[in-house]
Amino acid sequence: MLKYAFIVFILALGNTLFAQDGVNGQICSQNNGELIFIGGANIYVEELGIEIFSDENGNFQIEQLDANSNYHLTISALGYEDVEMEISGSEFHTLISLEESSGDLPFLTTETAHKP
């Protein structure tokens, strides 16, 4: 009996260790054919109402996705065009490429006052 309980335990542990519960990805851009990974990109998951940010190497992970559902993402980063896309919760890894923005970046002008 103990032998069977041990086998069931090992099988359950294997399913837990290898169960996928999220999507991993990386945000990048191309410059002269070279991949540039974009840190600090914002990834918004519409269905969950959450936003996450890519790390300094462009990596991100969205957890707790239903493998049988699709999710709409909006990816944005300063200096790049926004990207809207749909992913499946069953995807394991996705590479998202952003295009550099052709418009001017927003800027802020400040003035200082001098005391007479």
PDB file of N, CA and C in Angstrom:
ATOM      1  N   MET A   1       0.825  -1.195   0.000  1.00  0.00           N
ATOM      2  CA  MET A   1       0.000   0.000   0.000  1.00  0.00           C
ATOM      3  C   MET A   1       0.870   1.260   0.000  1.00  0.00           C
ATOM      4  N   LEU A   2       1.907   1.239   0.794  1.00  0.00           N
ATOM      5  CA  LEU A   2       2.814   2.385   0.862  1.00  0.00           C
ATOM      6  C   LEU A   2       3.476   2.631  -0.494  1.00  0.00           C
ATOM      7  N   LYS A   3       3.772   1.561  -1.203  1.00  0.00           N
ATOM      8  CA  LYS A   3       4.388   1.667  -2.525  1.00  0.00           C
ATOM      9  C   LYS A   3       3.470   2.418  -3.488  1.00  0.00           C
ATOM     10  N   TYR A   4       2.182   2.117  -3.452  1.00  0.00           N
ATOM     11  CA  TYR A   4       1.225   2.781  -4.338  1.00  0.00           C
ATOM     12  C   TYR A   4       1.039   4.249  -3.963  1.00  0.00           C
ATOM     13  N   ALA A   5       1.017   4.535  -2.685  1.00  0.00           N
ATOM     14  CA  ALA A   5       0.905   5.919  -2.228  1.00  0.00           C
ATOM     15  C   ALA A   5       2.113   6.731  -2.690  1.00  0.00           C
ATOM     16  N   PHE A   6       3.297   6.124  -2.634  1.00  0.00           N
ATOM     17  CA  PHE A   6       4.509   6.800  -3.087  1.00  0.00           C
ATOM     18  C   PHE A   6       4.436   7.094  -4.590  1.00  0.00           C
ATOM     19  N   ILE A   7       3.964   6.150  -5.384  1.00  0.00           N
ATOM     20  CA  ILE A   7       3.843   6.354  -6.834  1.00  0.00           C
ATOM     21  C   ILE A   7       2.853   7.472  -7.144  1.00  0.00           C
ATOM     22  N   VAL A   8       1.718   7.494  -6.464  1.00  0.00           N
ATOM     23  CA  VAL A   8       0.729   8.561  -6.666  1.00  0.00           C
ATOM     24  C   VAL A   8       1.336   9.909  -6.281  1.00  0.00           C
ATOM     25  N   PHE A   9       2.091   9.951  -5.193  1.00  0.00           N
ATOM     26  CA  PHE A   9       2.743  11.186  -4.763  1.00  0.00           C
ATOM     27  C   PHE A   9       3.720  11.693  -5.821  1.00  0.00           C
ATOM     28  N   ILE A  10       4.538  10.811  -6.379  1.00  0.00           N
ATOM     29  CA  ILE A  10       5.516  11.202  -7.409  1.00  0.00           C
ATOM     30  C   ILE A  10       4.809  11.708  -8.661  1.00  0.00           C
ATOM     31  N   LEU A  11       3.752  11.046  -9.077  1.00  0.00           N
ATOM     32  CA  LEU A  11       3.001  11.492 -10.264  1.00  0.00           C
ATOM     33  C   LEU A  11       2.366  12.857 -10.028  1.00  0.00           C
ATOM     34  N   ALA A  12       1.794  13.062  -8.866  1.00  0.00           N
ATOM     35  CA  ALA A  12       1.182  14.354  -8.547  1.00  0.00           C
ATOM     36  C   ALA A  12       2.236  15.452  -8.487  1.00  0.00           C
ATOM     37  N   LEU A  13       3.380  15.147  -7.913  1.00  0.00           N
ATOM     38  CA  LEU A  13       4.466  16.121  -7.835  1.00  0.00           C
ATOM     39  C   LEU A  13       4.954  16.492  -9.225  1.00  0.00           C
ATOM     40  N   GLY A  14       5.081  15.521 -10.108  1.00  0.00           N
ATOM     41  CA  GLY A  14       5.509  15.794 -11.482  1.00  0.00           C
ATOM     42  C   GLY A  14       4.546  16.693 -12.207  1.00  0.00           C
ATOM     43  N   ASN A  15       3.256  16.462 -12.050  1.00  0.00           N
ATOM     44  CA  ASN A  15       2.263  17.327 -12.687  1.00  0.00           C
ATOM     45  C   ASN A  15       2.325  18.739 -12.134  1.00  0.00           C
ATOM     46  N   THR A  16       2.572  18.870 -10.855  1.00  0.00           N
ATOM     47  CA  THR A  16       2.671  20.189 -10.247  1.00  0.00           C
ATOM     48  C   THR A  16       3.917  20.920 -10.732  1.00  0.00           C
ATOM     49  N   LEU A  17       5.036  20.230 -10.797  1.00  0.00           N
ATOM     50  CA  LEU A  17       6.284  20.881 -11.205  1.00  0.00           C
ATOM     51  C   LEU A  17       6.264  21.324 -12.662  1.00  0.00           C
ATOM     52  N   PHE A  18       5.626  20.550 -13.528  1.00  0.00           N
ATOM     53  CA  PHE A  18       5.663  20.856 -14.949  1.00  0.00           C
ATOM     54  C   PHE A  18       4.403  21.531 -15.462  1.00  0.00           C
ATOM     55  N   ALA A  19       3.458  21.833 -14.598  1.00  0.00           N
ATOM     56  CA  ALA A  19       2.239  22.523 -15.032  1.00  0.00           C
ATOM     57  C   ALA A  19       2.576  23.965 -15.393  1.00  0.00           C
ATOM     58  N   GLN A  20       2.046  24.400 -16.506  1.00  0.00           N
ATOM     59  CA  GLN A  20       2.287  25.771 -16.952  1.00  0.00           C
ATOM     60  C   GLN A  20       1.200  26.665 -16.391  1.00  0.00           C
ATOM     61  N   ASP A  21       1.581  27.756 -15.788  1.00  0.00           N
ATOM     62  CA  ASP A  21       0.580  28.666 -15.254  1.00  0.00           C
ATOM     63  C   ASP A  21       0.837  30.102 -15.685  1.00  0.00           C
ATOM     64  N   GLY A  22       1.544  30.280 -16.772  1.00  0.00           N
ATOM     65  CA  GLY A  22       1.796  31.626 -17.245  1.00  0.00           C
ATOM     66  C   GLY A  22       2.561  31.640 -18.545  1.00  0.00           C
ATOM     67  N   VAL A  23       2.750  32.846 -19.035  1.00  0.00           N
ATOM     68  CA  VAL A  23       3.470  33.059 -20.289  1.00  0.00           C
ATOM     69  C   VAL A  23       4.732  33.844 -19.987  1.00  0.00           C
ATOM     70  N   ASN A  24       5.849  33.387 -20.516  1.00  0.00           N
ATOM     71  CA  ASN A  24       7.109  34.124 -20.443  1.00  0.00           C
ATOM     72  C   ASN A  24       7.308  34.827 -21.776  1.00  0.00           C
ATOM     73  N   GLY A  25       7.939  35.960 -21.762  1.00  0.00           N
ATOM     74  CA  GLY A  25       8.199  36.653 -23.010  1.00  0.00           C
ATOM     75  C   GLY A  25       9.367  37.598 -22.898  1.00  0.00           C
ATOM     76  N   GLN A  26       9.683  38.208 -24.021  1.00  0.00           N
ATOM     77  CA  GLN A  26      10.783  39.161 -24.073  1.00  0.00           C
ATOM     78  C   GLN A  26      10.403  40.261 -25.057  1.00  0.00           C
ATOM     79  N   ILE A  27      10.680  41.499 -24.683  1.00  0.00           N
ATOM     80  CA  ILE A  27      10.398  42.670 -25.505  1.00  0.00           C
ATOM     81  C   ILE A  27      11.704  43.113 -26.146  1.00  0.00           C
ATOM     82  N   CYS A  28      11.667  43.330 -27.470  1.00  0.00           N
ATOM     83  CA  CYS A  28      12.884  43.718 -28.164  1.00  0.00           C
ATOM     84  C   CYS A  28      12.568  44.692 -29.292  1.00  0.00           C
ATOM     85  N   SER A  29      13.613  45.186 -29.914  1.00  0.00           N
ATOM     86  CA  SER A  29      13.548  46.011 -31.110  1.00  0.00           C
ATOM     87  C   SER A  29      14.758  45.644 -31.956  1.00  0.00           C
ATOM     88  N   GLN A  30      14.713  46.013 -33.220  1.00  0.00           N
ATOM     89  CA  GLN A  30      15.862  45.745 -34.078  1.00  0.00           C
ATOM     90  C   GLN A  30      16.503  47.059 -34.498  1.00  0.00           C
ATOM     91  N   ASN A  31      17.830  47.081 -34.450  1.00  0.00           N
ATOM     92  CA  ASN A  31      18.594  48.237 -34.895  1.00  0.00           C
ATOM     93  C   ASN A  31      19.722  47.720 -35.780  1.00  0.00           C
ATOM     94  N   ASN A  32      19.633  47.993 -37.081  1.00  0.00           N
ATOM     95  CA  ASN A  32      20.623  47.503 -38.045  1.00  0.00           C
ATOM     96  C   ASN A  32      20.786  45.990 -37.969  1.00  0.00           C
ATOM     97  N   GLY A  33      19.666  45.275 -37.831  1.00  0.00           N
ATOM     98  CA  GLY A  33      19.698  43.823 -37.793  1.00  0.00           C
ATOM     99  C   GLY A  33      20.072  43.228 -36.452  1.00  0.00           C
ATOM    100  N   GLU A  34      20.393  44.054 -35.480  1.00  0.00           N
ATOM    101  CA  GLU A  34      20.785  43.581 -34.156  1.00  0.00           C
ATOM    102  C   GLU A  34      19.610  43.730 -33.194  1.00  0.00           C
ATOM    103  N   LEU A  35      19.336  42.663 -32.417  1.00  0.00           N
ATOM    104  CA  LEU A  35      18.263  42.724 -31.430  1.00  0.00           C
ATOM    105  C   LEU A  35      18.687  43.561 -30.236  1.00  0.00           C
ATOM    106  N   ILE A  36      17.795  44.453 -29.842  1.00  0.00           N
ATOM    107  CA  ILE A  36      18.002  45.273 -28.650  1.00  0.00           C
ATOM    108  C   ILE A  36      16.855  44.945 -27.706  1.00  0.00           C
ATOM    109  N   PHE A  37      17.152  44.504 -26.502  1.00  0.00           N
ATOM    110  CA  PHE A  37      16.114  44.148 -25.548  1.00  0.00           C
ATOM    111  C   PHE A  37      15.711  45.381 -24.755  1.00  0.00           C
ATOM    112  N   ILE A  38      14.408  45.549 -24.560  1.00  0.00           N
ATOM    113  CA  ILE A  38      13.852  46.775 -23.996  1.00  0.00           C
ATOM    114  C   ILE A  38      13.395  46.540 -22.563  1.00  0.00           C
ATOM    115  N   GLY A  39      14.110  47.140 -21.636  1.00  0.00           N
ATOM    116  CA  GLY A  39      13.730  47.085 -20.230  1.00  0.00           C
ATOM    117  C   GLY A  39      12.725  48.175 -19.906  1.00  0.00           C
ATOM    118  N   GLY A  40      11.868  47.922 -18.952  1.00  0.00           N
ATOM    119  CA  GLY A  40      10.894  48.920 -18.508  1.00  0.00           C
ATOM    120  C   GLY A  40       9.684  49.062 -19.401  1.00  0.00           C
ATOM    121  N   ALA A  41       9.489  48.137 -20.344  1.00  0.00           N
ATOM    122  CA  ALA A  41       8.291  48.184 -21.192  1.00  0.00           C
ATOM    123  C   ALA A  41       7.084  47.800 -20.343  1.00  0.00           C
ATOM    124  N   ASN A  42       5.966  48.440 -20.606  1.00  0.00           N
ATOM    125  CA  ASN A  42       4.723  48.189 -19.888  1.00  0.00           C
ATOM    126  C   ASN A  42       3.902  47.171 -20.663  1.00  0.00           C
ATOM    127  N   ILE A  43       3.463  46.117 -19.998  1.00  0.00           N
ATOM    128  CA  ILE A  43       2.606  45.098 -20.607  1.00  0.00           C
ATOM    129  C   ILE A  43       1.299  45.089 -19.836  1.00  0.00           C
ATOM    130  N   TYR A  44       0.204  45.464 -20.507  1.00  0.00           N
ATOM    131  CA  TYR A  44      -1.119  45.523 -19.880  1.00  0.00           C
ATOM    132  C   TYR A  44      -1.951  44.354 -20.378  1.00  0.00           C
ATOM    133  N   VAL A  45      -2.519  43.573 -19.448  1.00  0.00           N
ATOM    134  CA  VAL A  45      -3.372  42.431 -19.780  1.00  0.00           C
ATOM    135  C   VAL A  45      -4.817  42.858 -19.538  1.00  0.00           C
ATOM    136  N   GLU A  46      -5.536  43.098 -20.632  1.00  0.00           N
ATOM    137  CA  GLU A  46      -6.880  43.667 -20.560  1.00  0.00           C
ATOM    138  C   GLU A  46      -7.840  42.822 -19.719  1.00  0.00           C
ATOM    139  N   GLU A  47      -7.892  41.518 -19.965  1.00  0.00           N
ATOM    140  CA  GLU A  47      -8.852  40.659 -19.282  1.00  0.00           C
ATOM    141  C   GLU A  47      -8.624  40.570 -17.780  1.00  0.00           C
ATOM    142  N   LEU A  48      -7.396  40.714 -17.353  1.00  0.00           N
ATOM    143  CA  LEU A  48      -7.070  40.629 -15.929  1.00  0.00           C
ATOM    144  C   LEU A  48      -6.969  41.993 -15.270  1.00  0.00           C
ATOM    145  N   GLY A  49      -6.897  43.047 -16.093  1.00  0.00           N
ATOM    146  CA  GLY A  49      -6.771  44.397 -15.549  1.00  0.00           C
ATOM    147  C   GLY A  49      -5.463  44.623 -14.811  1.00  0.00           C
ATOM    148  N   ILE A  50      -4.406  43.939 -15.247  1.00  0.00           N
ATOM    149  CA  ILE A  50      -3.110  44.095 -14.580  1.00  0.00           C
ATOM    150  C   ILE A  50      -2.075  44.618 -15.568  1.00  0.00           C
ATOM    151  N   GLU A  51      -1.066  45.253 -15.022  1.00  0.00           N
ATOM    152  CA  GLU A  51       0.070  45.651 -15.843  1.00  0.00           C
ATOM    153  C   GLU A  51       1.343  45.223 -15.146  1.00  0.00           C
ATOM    154  N   ILE A  52       2.280  44.808 -15.974  1.00  0.00           N
ATOM    155  CA  ILE A  52       3.587  44.404 -15.480  1.00  0.00           C
ATOM    156  C   ILE A  52       4.633  45.109 -16.327  1.00  0.00           C
ATOM    157  N   PHE A  53       5.870  45.041 -15.900  1.00  0.00           N
ATOM    158  CA  PHE A  53       6.958  45.687 -16.618  1.00  0.00           C
ATOM    159  C   PHE A  53       8.043  44.666 -16.938  1.00  0.00           C
ATOM    160  N   SER A  54       8.669  44.848 -18.096  1.00  0.00           N
ATOM    161  CA  SER A  54       9.788  43.974 -18.441  1.00  0.00           C
ATOM    162  C   SER A  54      11.009  44.371 -17.615  1.00  0.00           C
ATOM    163  N   ASP A  55      11.870  43.391 -17.340  1.00  0.00           N
ATOM    164  CA  ASP A  55      13.087  43.673 -16.581  1.00  0.00           C
ATOM    165  C   ASP A  55      14.135  44.319 -17.498  1.00  0.00           C
ATOM    166  N   GLU A  56      15.333  44.527 -16.987  1.00  0.00           N
ATOM    167  CA  GLU A  56      16.383  45.230 -17.747  1.00  0.00           C
ATOM    168  C   GLU A  56      16.796  44.480 -19.008  1.00  0.00           C
ATOM    169  N   ASN A  57      16.482  43.193 -19.097  1.00  0.00           N
ATOM    170  CA  ASN A  57      16.797  42.403 -20.293  1.00  0.00           C
ATOM    171  C   ASN A  57      15.579  42.174 -21.185  1.00  0.00           C
ATOM    172  N   GLY A  58      14.492  42.896 -20.907  1.00  0.00           N
ATOM    173  CA  GLY A  58      13.276  42.778 -21.710  1.00  0.00           C
ATOM    174  C   GLY A  58      12.387  41.607 -21.345  1.00  0.00           C
ATOM    175  N   ASN A  59      12.758  40.837 -20.329  1.00  0.00           N
ATOM    176  CA  ASN A  59      11.986  39.656 -19.936  1.00  0.00           C
ATOM    177  C   ASN A  59      10.764  40.039 -19.105  1.00  0.00           C
ATOM    178  N   PHE A  60       9.685  39.270 -19.298  1.00  0.00           N
ATOM    179  CA  PHE A  60       8.505  39.442 -18.465  1.00  0.00           C
ATOM    180  C   PHE A  60       7.832  38.089 -18.286  1.00  0.00           C
ATOM    181  N   GLN A  61       6.973  37.995 -17.260  1.00  0.00           N
ATOM    182  CA  GLN A  61       6.194  36.794 -17.034  1.00  0.00           C
ATOM    183  C   GLN A  61       4.800  37.202 -16.578  1.00  0.00           C
ATOM    184  N   ILE A  62       3.804  36.620 -17.235  1.00  0.00           N
ATOM    185  CA  ILE A  62       2.415  36.831 -16.836  1.00  0.00           C
ATOM    186  C   ILE A  62       1.952  35.518 -16.222  1.00  0.00           C
ATOM    187  N   GLU A  63       1.589  35.557 -14.945  1.00  0.00           N
ATOM    188  CA  GLU A  63       1.224  34.337 -14.226  1.00  0.00           C
ATOM    189  C   GLU A  63      -0.284  34.171 -14.143  1.00  0.00           C
ATOM    190  N   GLN A  64      -0.685  32.975 -13.761  1.00  0.00           N
ATOM    191  CA  GLN A  64      -2.086  32.632 -13.501  1.00  0.00           C
ATOM    192  C   GLN A  64      -2.996  32.808 -14.703  1.00  0.00           C
ATOM    193  N   LEU A  65      -2.534  32.378 -15.874  1.00  0.00           N
ATOM    194  CA  LEU A  65      -3.362  32.422 -17.074  1.00  0.00           C
ATOM    195  C   LEU A  65      -4.041  31.080 -17.280  1.00  0.00           C
ATOM    196  N   ASP A  66      -5.266  31.129 -17.763  1.00  0.00           N
ATOM    197  CA  ASP A  66      -5.993  29.911 -18.115  1.00  0.00           C
ATOM    198  C   ASP A  66      -5.508  29.463 -19.490  1.00  0.00           C
ATOM    199  N   ALA A  67      -5.020  28.242 -19.580  1.00  0.00           N
ATOM    200  CA  ALA A  67      -4.462  27.731 -20.839  1.00  0.00           C
ATOM    201  C   ALA A  67      -5.493  27.665 -21.955  1.00  0.00           C
ATOM    202  N   ASN A  68      -6.780  27.656 -21.627  1.00  0.00           N
ATOM    203  CA  ASN A  68      -7.835  27.562 -22.634  1.00  0.00           C
ATOM    204  C   ASN A  68      -8.400  28.917 -23.039  1.00  0.00           C
ATOM    205  N   SER A  69      -7.790  29.996 -22.596  1.00  0.00           N
ATOM    206  CA  SER A  69      -8.295  31.335 -22.890  1.00  0.00           C
ATOM    207  C   SER A  69      -7.289  32.146 -23.689  1.00  0.00           C
ATOM    208  N   ASN A  70      -7.790  33.179 -24.348  1.00  0.00           N
ATOM    209  CA  ASN A  70      -6.943  34.143 -25.054  1.00  0.00           C
ATOM    210  C   ASN A  70      -6.943  35.450 -24.277  1.00  0.00           C
ATOM    211  N   TYR A  71      -5.858  36.184 -24.392  1.00  0.00           N
ATOM    212  CA  TYR A  71      -5.693  37.428 -23.655  1.00  0.00           C
ATOM    213  C   TYR A  71      -5.201  38.523 -24.592  1.00  0.00           C
ATOM    214  N   HIS A  72      -5.730  39.732 -24.400  1.00  0.00           N
ATOM    215  CA  HIS A  72      -5.317  40.890 -25.193  1.00  0.00           C
ATOM    216  C   HIS A  72      -4.266  41.674 -24.415  1.00  0.00           C
ATOM    217  N   LEU A  73      -3.118  41.898 -25.063  1.00  0.00           N
ATOM    218  CA  LEU A  73      -2.030  42.642 -24.448  1.00  0.00           C
ATOM    219  C   LEU A  73      -1.828  43.962 -25.167  1.00  0.00           C
ATOM    220  N   THR A  74      -1.482  44.979 -24.405  1.00  0.00           N
ATOM    221  CA  THR A  74      -1.010  46.246 -24.970  1.00  0.00           C
ATOM    222  C   THR A  74       0.379  46.468 -24.399  1.00  0.00           C
ATOM    223  N   ILE A  75       1.353  46.593 -25.306  1.00  0.00           N
ATOM    224  CA  ILE A  75       2.745  46.767 -24.899  1.00  0.00           C
ATOM    225  C   ILE A  75       3.184  48.169 -25.295  1.00  0.00           C
ATOM    226  N   SER A  76       3.753  48.897 -24.350  1.00  0.00           N
ATOM    227  CA  SER A  76       4.224  50.245 -24.644  1.00  0.00           C
ATOM    228  C   SER A  76       5.562  50.486 -23.955  1.00  0.00           C
ATOM    229  N   ALA A  77       6.374  51.309 -24.618  1.00  0.00           N
ATOM    230  CA  ALA A  77       7.674  51.699 -24.067  1.00  0.00           C
ATOM    231  C   ALA A  77       8.019  53.068 -24.633  1.00  0.00           C
ATOM    232  N   LEU A  78       8.660  53.880 -23.850  1.00  0.00           N
ATOM    233  CA  LEU A  78       9.036  55.227 -24.267  1.00  0.00           C
ATOM    234  C   LEU A  78       9.941  55.170 -25.495  1.00  0.00           C
ATOM    235  N   GLY A  79       9.550  55.886 -26.544  1.00  0.00           N
ATOM    236  CA  GLY A  79      10.343  55.932 -27.772  1.00  0.00           C
ATOM    237  C   GLY A  79       9.949  54.881 -28.791  1.00  0.00           C
ATOM    238  N   TYR A  80       8.905  54.084 -28.490  1.00  0.00           N
ATOM    239  CA  TYR A  80       8.463  53.019 -29.384  1.00  0.00           C
ATOM    240  C   TYR A  80       6.958  53.109 -29.616  1.00  0.00           C
ATOM    241  N   GLU A  81       6.520  52.601 -30.765  1.00  0.00           N
ATOM    242  CA  GLU A  81       5.093  52.522 -31.069  1.00  0.00           C
ATOM    243  C   GLU A  81       4.455  51.468 -30.173  1.00  0.00           C
ATOM    244  N   ASP A  82       3.223  51.732 -29.703  1.00  0.00           N
ATOM    245  CA  ASP A  82       2.492  50.744 -28.924  1.00  0.00           C
ATOM    246  C   ASP A  82       2.134  49.555 -29.809  1.00  0.00           C
ATOM    247  N   VAL A  83       2.058  48.384 -29.204  1.00  0.00           N
ATOM    248  CA  VAL A  83       1.673  47.164 -29.905  1.00  0.00           C
ATOM    249  C   VAL A  83       0.506  46.542 -29.157  1.00  0.00           C
ATOM    250  N   GLU A  84      -0.550  46.187 -29.904  1.00  0.00           N
ATOM    251  CA  GLU A  84      -1.666  45.439 -29.340  1.00  0.00           C
ATOM    252  C   GLU A  84      -1.663  44.067 -29.976  1.00  0.00           C
ATOM    253  N   MET A  85      -1.814  43.036 -29.151  1.00  0.00           N
ATOM    254  CA  MET A  85      -1.780  41.672 -29.670  1.00  0.00           C
ATOM    255  C   MET A  85      -2.601  40.754 -28.798  1.00  0.00           C
ATOM    256  N   GLU A  86      -2.884  39.578 -29.331  1.00  0.00           N
ATOM    257  CA  GLU A  86      -3.604  38.555 -28.587  1.00  0.00           C
ATOM    258  C   GLU A  86      -2.695  37.345 -28.422  1.00  0.00           C
ATOM    259  N   ILE A  87      -2.679  36.795 -27.216  1.00  0.00           N
ATOM    260  CA  ILE A  87      -1.912  35.576 -26.971  1.00  0.00           C
ATOM    261  C   ILE A  87      -2.827  34.530 -26.358  1.00  0.00           C
ATOM    262  N   SER A  88      -2.419  33.300 -26.469  1.00  0.00           N
ATOM    263  CA  SER A  88      -3.131  32.195 -25.851  1.00  0.00           C
ATOM    264  C   SER A  88      -2.496  31.913 -24.499  1.00  0.00           C
ATOM    265  N   GLY A  89      -3.312  31.543 -23.538  1.00  0.00           N
ATOM    266  CA  GLY A  89      -2.788  31.193 -22.222  1.00  0.00           C
ATOM    267  C   GLY A  89      -1.930  29.948 -22.242  1.00  0.00           C
ATOM    268  N   SER A  90      -1.982  29.207 -23.356  1.00  0.00           N
ATOM    269  CA  SER A  90      -1.181  27.987 -23.450  1.00  0.00           C
ATOM    270  C   SER A  90       0.198  28.225 -24.066  1.00  0.00           C
ATOM    271  N   GLU A  91       0.460  29.465 -24.531  1.00  0.00           N
ATOM    272  CA  GLU A  91       1.793  29.762 -25.067  1.00  0.00           C
ATOM    273  C   GLU A  91       2.807  29.696 -23.932  1.00  0.00           C
ATOM    274  N   PHE A  92       4.005  29.260 -24.269  1.00  0.00           N
ATOM    275  CA  PHE A  92       5.047  29.187 -23.245  1.00  0.00           C
ATOM    276  C   PHE A  92       5.968  30.395 -23.290  1.00  0.00           C
ATOM    277  N   HIS A  93       6.392  30.794 -24.482  1.00  0.00           N
ATOM    278  CA  HIS A  93       7.314  31.916 -24.620  1.00  0.00           C
ATOM    279  C   HIS A  93       6.967  32.696 -25.881  1.00  0.00           C
ATOM    280  N   THR A  94       7.011  34.001 -25.777  1.00  0.00           N
ATOM    281  CA  THR A  94       6.734  34.838 -26.935  1.00  0.00           C
ATOM    282  C   THR A  94       7.752  35.973 -27.002  1.00  0.00           C
ATOM    283  N   LEU A  95       8.181  36.289 -28.213  1.00  0.00           N
ATOM    284  CA  LEU A  95       9.111  37.396 -28.458  1.00  0.00           C
ATOM    285  C   LEU A  95       8.311  38.506 -29.130  1.00  0.00           C
ATOM    286  N   ILE A  96       8.298  39.685 -28.530  1.00  0.00           N
ATOM    287  CA  ILE A  96       7.515  40.806 -29.038  1.00  0.00           C
ATOM    288  C   ILE A  96       8.463  41.886 -29.495  1.00  0.00           C
ATOM    289  N   SER A  97       8.339  42.266 -30.768  1.00  0.00           N
ATOM    290  CA  SER A  97       9.217  43.274 -31.350  1.00  0.00           C
ATOM    291  C   SER A  97       8.478  44.605 -31.466  1.00  0.00           C
ATOM    292  N   LEU A  98       9.101  45.667 -30.971  1.00  0.00           N
ATOM    293  CA  LEU A  98       8.540  47.010 -31.055  1.00  0.00           C
ATOM    294  C   LEU A  98       9.281  47.816 -32.114  1.00  0.00           C
ATOM    295  N   GLU A  99       8.553  48.715 -32.766  1.00  0.00           N
ATOM    296  CA  GLU A  99       9.144  49.611 -33.761  1.00  0.00           C
ATOM    297  C   GLU A  99       9.417  50.959 -33.105  1.00  0.00           C
ATOM    298  N   GLU A 100      10.546  51.563 -33.452  1.00  0.00           N
ATOM    299  CA  GLU A 100      10.847  52.884 -32.909  1.00  0.00           C
ATOM    300  C   GLU A 100       9.794  53.876 -33.374  1.00  0.00           C
ATOM    301  N   SER A 101       9.450  54.796 -32.497  1.00  0.00           N
ATOM    302  CA  SER A 101       8.455  55.811 -32.801  1.00  0.00           C
ATOM    303  C   SER A 101       9.043  56.842 -33.750  1.00  0.00           C
ATOM    304  N   SER A 102       8.248  57.228 -34.753  1.00  0.00           N
ATOM    305  CA  SER A 102       8.727  58.228 -35.695  1.00  0.00           C
ATOM    306  C   SER A 102       8.429  59.641 -35.209  1.00  0.00           C
ATOM    307  N   GLY A 103       7.586  59.748 -34.200  1.00  0.00           N
ATOM    308  CA  GLY A 103       7.220  61.063 -33.676  1.00  0.00           C
ATOM    309  C   GLY A 103       8.213  61.562 -32.657  1.00  0.00           C
ATOM    310  N   ASP A 104       8.019  62.811 -32.278  1.00  0.00           N
ATOM    311  CA  ASP A 104       8.869  63.404 -31.249  1.00  0.00           C
ATOM    312  C   ASP A 104       8.465  62.874 -29.885  1.00  0.00           C
ATOM    313  N   LEU A 105       9.433  62.723 -29.029  1.00  0.00           N
ATOM    314  CA  LEU A 105       9.153  62.328 -27.660  1.00  0.00           C
ATOM    315  C   LEU A 105       8.562  63.512 -26.905  1.00  0.00           C
ATOM    316  N   PRO A 106       7.664  63.235 -25.968  1.00  0.00           N
ATOM    317  CA  PRO A 106       7.125  64.342 -25.171  1.00  0.00           C
ATOM    318  C   PRO A 106       8.232  64.945 -24.312  1.00  0.00           C
ATOM    319  N   PHE A 107       8.140  66.240 -24.102  1.00  0.00           N
ATOM    320  CA  PHE A 107       9.156  66.880 -23.275  1.00  0.00           C
ATOM    321  C   PHE A 107       8.498  67.858 -22.326  1.00  0.00           C
ATOM    322  N   LEU A 108       9.234  68.249 -21.322  1.00  0.00           N
ATOM    323  CA  LEU A 108       8.757  69.144 -20.292  1.00  0.00           C
ATOM    324  C   LEU A 108       9.726  70.307 -20.198  1.00  0.00           C
ATOM    325  N   THR A 109       9.179  71.505 -20.241  1.00  0.00           N
ATOM    326  CA  THR A 109      10.005  72.694 -20.099  1.00  0.00           C
ATOM    327  C   THR A 109       9.825  73.226 -18.689  1.00  0.00           C
ATOM    328  N   THR A 110      10.927  73.532 -18.042  1.00  0.00           N
ATOM    329  CA  THR A 110      10.847  74.091 -16.684  1.00  0.00           C
ATOM    330  C   THR A 110      11.522  75.450 -16.666  1.00  0.00           C
ATOM    331  N   GLU A 111      11.050  76.272 -15.796  1.00  0.00           N
ATOM    332  CA  GLU A 111      11.634  77.588 -15.615  1.00  0.00           C
ATOM    333  C   GLU A 111      11.916  77.781 -14.147  1.00  0.00           C
ATOM    334  N   THR A 112      12.951  78.510 -13.852  1.00  0.00           N
ATOM    335  CA  THR A 112      13.249  78.827 -12.459  1.00  0.00           C
ATOM    336  C   THR A 112      13.092  80.318 -12.258  1.00  0.00           C
ATOM    337  N   ALA A 113      12.619  80.650 -11.109  1.00  0.00           N
ATOM    338  CA  ALA A 113      12.446  82.059 -10.783  1.00  0.00           C
ATOM    339  C   ALA A 113      13.630  82.507  -9.922  1.00  0.00           C
ATOM    340  N   HIS A 114      14.134  83.679 -10.206  1.00  0.00           N
ATOM    341  CA  HIS A 114      15.236  84.223  -9.417  1.00  0.00           C
ATOM    342  C   HIS A 114      14.698  85.305  -8.508  1.00  0.00           C
ATOM    343  N   LYS A 115      15.168  85.304  -7.299  1.00  0.00           N
ATOM    344  CA  LYS A 115      14.773  86.356  -6.371  1.00  0.00           C
ATOM    345  C   LYS A 115      15.537  87.633  -6.718  1.00  0.00           C
ATOM    346  N   PRO A 116      14.833  88.748  -6.764  1.00  0.00           N
ATOM    347  CA  PRO A 116      15.533  90.013  -7.068  1.00  0.00           C
ATOM    348  C   PRO A 116      16.435  90.476  -5.959  1.00  0.00           C
TER     349      PRO A 116
END
